[in-house]
Amino acid sequence: MAIDKVLIYKFLKFAAVGFSGLFVDFGITYIFKEKIKINKYVSNAMGFICAATSNYILNRLWTFQSANENVATEYGSFMVVSAIGLGINSLVLWILTDKMKWNFYISKVFAIGCATLWNFFANLMFTFSR
């Protein structure tokens, strides 16, 4: 039962970090989509990548408390997981906005939720498994 509590606590920390990344993601996306008028998918990717980078730093230090000395490799692994998460995010976003005609930002909330589940478990098992 202790493992379950540890996993839940770790997920809650991961979610808190992700929530902070939500502001980075939405902020960058909004600036590039609405102010600079870049394509919504490119803007979404830029927001997602900036958020993933800030999330890596916070997750490394706080959520997973990684002592891995090879930060570059660990960051690379985190970004591969995040890139797959971006694919999941973009697919959900595309389905909800283009096929189901939902509002872009409401769709983005659902897309982030789907990608979050992937990112947590993949990072737990792959990036921060030591």
C-alpha atoms as a PDB file:
ATOM      1  CA  MET A   1       0.000   0.000   0.000  1.00  0.00           C
ATOM      2  CA  ALA A   2       2.950   2.379   0.610  1.00  0.00           C
ATOM      3  CA  ILE A   3       3.921   2.209  -3.045  1.00  0.00           C
ATOM      4  CA  ASP A   4       0.450   3.366  -4.026  1.00  0.00           C
ATOM      5  CA  LYS A   5       0.664   6.346  -1.659  1.00  0.00           C
ATOM      6  CA  VAL A   6       4.103   7.255  -2.969  1.00  0.00           C
ATOM      7  CA  LEU A   7       2.884   7.001  -6.555  1.00  0.00           C
ATOM      8  CA  ILE A   8      -0.164   9.129  -5.804  1.00  0.00           C
ATOM      9  CA  TYR A   9       1.956  11.741  -4.026  1.00  0.00           C
ATOM     10  CA  LYS A  10       4.405  11.779  -6.924  1.00  0.00           C
ATOM     11  CA  PHE A  11       1.534  12.184  -9.409  1.00  0.00           C
ATOM     12  CA  LEU A  12       0.132  15.086  -7.366  1.00  0.00           C
ATOM     13  CA  LYS A  13       3.542  16.780  -7.440  1.00  0.00           C
ATOM     14  CA  PHE A  14       3.764  16.090 -11.177  1.00  0.00           C
ATOM     15  CA  ALA A  15       0.285  17.589 -11.607  1.00  0.00           C
ATOM     16  CA  ALA A  16       1.269  20.695  -9.607  1.00  0.00           C
ATOM     17  CA  VAL A  17       4.317  21.159 -11.822  1.00  0.00           C
ATOM     18  CA  GLY A  18       2.124  20.584 -14.858  1.00  0.00           C
ATOM     19  CA  PHE A  19      -0.309  23.213 -13.593  1.00  0.00           C
ATOM     20  CA  SER A  20       2.517  25.738 -13.461  1.00  0.00           C
ATOM     21  CA  GLY A  21       3.432  24.653 -16.989  1.00  0.00           C
ATOM     22  CA  LEU A  22      -0.151  25.318 -18.023  1.00  0.00           C
ATOM     23  CA  PHE A  23       0.471  29.046 -17.582  1.00  0.00           C
ATOM     24  CA  VAL A  24       3.651  28.848 -19.630  1.00  0.00           C
ATOM     25  CA  ASP A  25       1.900  26.768 -22.306  1.00  0.00           C
ATOM     26  CA  PHE A  26      -1.198  28.948 -22.592  1.00  0.00           C
ATOM     27  CA  GLY A  27       0.812  32.167 -22.359  1.00  0.00           C
ATOM     28  CA  ILE A  28       3.240  31.260 -25.133  1.00  0.00           C
ATOM     29  CA  THR A  29       0.456  29.774 -27.269  1.00  0.00           C
ATOM     30  CA  TYR A  30      -1.692  32.885 -26.848  1.00  0.00           C
ATOM     31  CA  ILE A  31       1.143  35.281 -27.691  1.00  0.00           C
ATOM     32  CA  PHE A  32       2.130  33.427 -30.860  1.00  0.00           C
ATOM     33  CA  LYS A  33      -1.412  32.589 -32.026  1.00  0.00           C
ATOM     34  CA  GLU A  34      -3.267  35.797 -31.168  1.00  0.00           C
ATOM     35  CA  LYS A  35      -0.611  38.522 -31.170  1.00  0.00           C
ATOM     36  CA  ILE A  36       1.957  37.311 -33.704  1.00  0.00           C
ATOM     37  CA  LYS A  37      -0.650  35.404 -35.783  1.00  0.00           C
ATOM     38  CA  ILE A  38       1.302  32.173 -36.197  1.00  0.00           C
ATOM     39  CA  ASN A  39      -0.585  28.991 -37.145  1.00  0.00           C
ATOM     40  CA  LYS A  40      -2.510  27.540 -34.171  1.00  0.00           C
ATOM     41  CA  TYR A  41      -0.684  24.193 -34.325  1.00  0.00           C
ATOM     42  CA  VAL A  42       2.759  25.804 -34.502  1.00  0.00           C
ATOM     43  CA  SER A  43       1.790  28.127 -31.648  1.00  0.00           C
ATOM     44  CA  ASN A  44       0.513  25.138 -29.679  1.00  0.00           C
ATOM     45  CA  ALA A  45       3.785  23.276 -30.241  1.00  0.00           C
ATOM     46  CA  MET A  46       5.834  26.290 -29.128  1.00  0.00           C
ATOM     47  CA  GLY A  47       3.784  26.638 -25.948  1.00  0.00           C
ATOM     48  CA  PHE A  48       4.014  22.927 -25.266  1.00  0.00           C
ATOM     49  CA  ILE A  49       7.812  22.803 -25.742  1.00  0.00           C
ATOM     50  CA  CYS A  50       8.426  25.822 -23.491  1.00  0.00           C
ATOM     51  CA  ALA A  51       6.187  24.301 -20.836  1.00  0.00           C
ATOM     52  CA  ALA A  52       7.921  20.921 -21.171  1.00  0.00           C
ATOM     53  CA  THR A  53      11.304  22.543 -20.566  1.00  0.00           C
ATOM     54  CA  SER A  54      10.156  24.355 -17.431  1.00  0.00           C
ATOM     55  CA  ASN A  55       8.390  21.173 -16.309  1.00  0.00           C
ATOM     56  CA  TYR A  56      11.580  19.148 -16.759  1.00  0.00           C
ATOM     57  CA  ILE A  57      13.498  21.435 -14.439  1.00  0.00           C
ATOM     58  CA  LEU A  58      10.807  21.395 -11.747  1.00  0.00           C
ATOM     59  CA  ASN A  59      10.168  17.658 -12.054  1.00  0.00           C
ATOM     60  CA  ARG A  60      13.865  16.862 -11.903  1.00  0.00           C
ATOM     61  CA  LEU A  61      14.335  18.910  -8.748  1.00  0.00           C
ATOM     62  CA  TRP A  62      11.063  18.383  -6.898  1.00  0.00           C
ATOM     63  CA  THR A  63       8.850  15.567  -8.196  1.00  0.00           C
ATOM     64  CA  PHE A  64      11.419  12.890  -8.970  1.00  0.00           C
ATOM     65  CA  GLN A  65      14.412  14.392  -7.111  1.00  0.00           C
ATOM     66  CA  SER A  66      16.763  13.088  -9.747  1.00  0.00           C
ATOM     67  CA  ALA A  67      20.436  12.716  -8.909  1.00  0.00           C
ATOM     68  CA  ASN A  68      21.329  11.659 -12.453  1.00  0.00           C
ATOM     69  CA  GLU A  69      24.573  13.448 -13.321  1.00  0.00           C
ATOM     70  CA  ASN A  70      23.922  13.168 -17.039  1.00  0.00           C
ATOM     71  CA  VAL A  71      21.434  16.011 -17.251  1.00  0.00           C
ATOM     72  CA  ALA A  72      21.672  16.271 -21.034  1.00  0.00           C
ATOM     73  CA  THR A  73      20.640  12.640 -21.553  1.00  0.00           C
ATOM     74  CA  GLU A  74      17.904  12.891 -18.953  1.00  0.00           C
ATOM     75  CA  TYR A  75      16.609  16.113 -20.510  1.00  0.00           C
ATOM     76  CA  GLY A  76      16.716  14.445 -23.925  1.00  0.00           C
ATOM     77  CA  SER A  77      14.674  11.521 -22.619  1.00  0.00           C
ATOM     78  CA  PHE A  78      12.199  13.928 -21.042  1.00  0.00           C
ATOM     79  CA  MET A  79      11.860  15.801 -24.324  1.00  0.00           C
ATOM     80  CA  VAL A  80      11.308  12.564 -26.310  1.00  0.00           C
ATOM     81  CA  VAL A  81       8.514  11.655 -23.900  1.00  0.00           C
ATOM     82  CA  SER A  82       7.214  15.219 -24.220  1.00  0.00           C
ATOM     83  CA  ALA A  83       7.390  15.073 -28.039  1.00  0.00           C
ATOM     84  CA  ILE A  84       5.210  11.974 -28.004  1.00  0.00           C
ATOM     85  CA  GLY A  85       2.986  13.839 -25.562  1.00  0.00           C
ATOM     86  CA  LEU A  86       2.890  16.726 -28.023  1.00  0.00           C
ATOM     87  CA  GLY A  87       1.700  14.303 -30.699  1.00  0.00           C
ATOM     88  CA  ILE A  88      -1.049  13.093 -28.391  1.00  0.00           C
ATOM     89  CA  ASN A  89      -1.848  16.709 -27.473  1.00  0.00           C
ATOM     90  CA  SER A  90      -2.009  17.824 -31.115  1.00  0.00           C
ATOM     91  CA  LEU A  91      -4.106  14.836 -32.195  1.00  0.00           C
ATOM     92  CA  VAL A  92      -6.679  15.460 -29.466  1.00  0.00           C
ATOM     93  CA  LEU A  93      -6.625  19.186 -30.263  1.00  0.00           C
ATOM     94  CA  TRP A  94      -7.160  18.506 -33.973  1.00  0.00           C
ATOM     95  CA  ILE A  95     -10.041  16.084 -33.344  1.00  0.00           C
ATOM     96  CA  LEU A  96     -11.804  18.449 -30.961  1.00  0.00           C
ATOM     97  CA  THR A  97     -11.269  21.697 -32.914  1.00  0.00           C
ATOM     98  CA  ASP A  98     -11.362  20.629 -36.551  1.00  0.00           C
ATOM     99  CA  LYS A  99     -13.642  17.603 -36.433  1.00  0.00           C
ATOM    100  CA  MET A 100     -15.921  18.354 -33.484  1.00  0.00           C
ATOM    101  CA  LYS A 101     -15.741  22.176 -33.841  1.00  0.00           C
ATOM    102  CA  TRP A 102     -15.034  22.807 -30.147  1.00  0.00           C
ATOM    103  CA  ASN A 103     -13.498  26.049 -28.909  1.00  0.00           C
ATOM    104  CA  PHE A 104      -9.710  25.990 -29.302  1.00  0.00           C
ATOM    105  CA  TYR A 105      -8.898  26.739 -25.651  1.00  0.00           C
ATOM    106  CA  ILE A 106     -11.469  24.325 -24.190  1.00  0.00           C
ATOM    107  CA  SER A 107     -10.081  21.673 -26.536  1.00  0.00           C
ATOM    108  CA  LYS A 108      -6.576  22.535 -25.360  1.00  0.00           C
ATOM    109  CA  VAL A 109      -7.538  21.755 -21.750  1.00  0.00           C
ATOM    110  CA  PHE A 110      -8.651  18.247 -22.782  1.00  0.00           C
ATOM    111  CA  ALA A 111      -5.567  17.772 -24.940  1.00  0.00           C
ATOM    112  CA  ILE A 112      -3.312  18.714 -22.024  1.00  0.00           C
ATOM    113  CA  GLY A 113      -5.134  16.241 -19.772  1.00  0.00           C
ATOM    114  CA  CYS A 114      -4.526  13.371 -22.190  1.00  0.00           C
ATOM    115  CA  ALA A 115      -0.880  14.274 -22.660  1.00  0.00           C
ATOM    116  CA  THR A 116      -0.376  14.616 -18.883  1.00  0.00           C
ATOM    117  CA  LEU A 117      -1.290  10.986 -18.239  1.00  0.00           C
ATOM    118  CA  TRP A 118       1.129   9.814 -20.923  1.00  0.00           C
ATOM    119  CA  ASN A 119       3.896  12.130 -19.712  1.00  0.00           C
ATOM    120  CA  PHE A 120       3.658  11.077 -16.058  1.00  0.00           C
ATOM    121  CA  PHE A 121       3.776   7.344 -16.591  1.00  0.00           C
ATOM    122  CA  ALA A 122       6.356   7.465 -19.385  1.00  0.00           C
ATOM    123  CA  ASN A 123       8.651   9.715 -17.346  1.00  0.00           C
ATOM    124  CA  LEU A 124       8.178   7.585 -14.244  1.00  0.00           C
ATOM    125  CA  MET A 125       9.137   4.424 -16.109  1.00  0.00           C
ATOM    126  CA  PHE A 126      11.653   5.821 -18.618  1.00  0.00           C
ATOM    127  CA  THR A 127      13.221   9.177 -17.774  1.00  0.00           C
ATOM    128  CA  PHE A 128      13.382   9.073 -13.968  1.00  0.00           C
ATOM    129  CA  SER A 129      13.421   5.309 -13.404  1.00  0.00           C
ATOM    130  CA  ARG A 130      16.669   5.256 -11.409  1.00  0.00           C
END
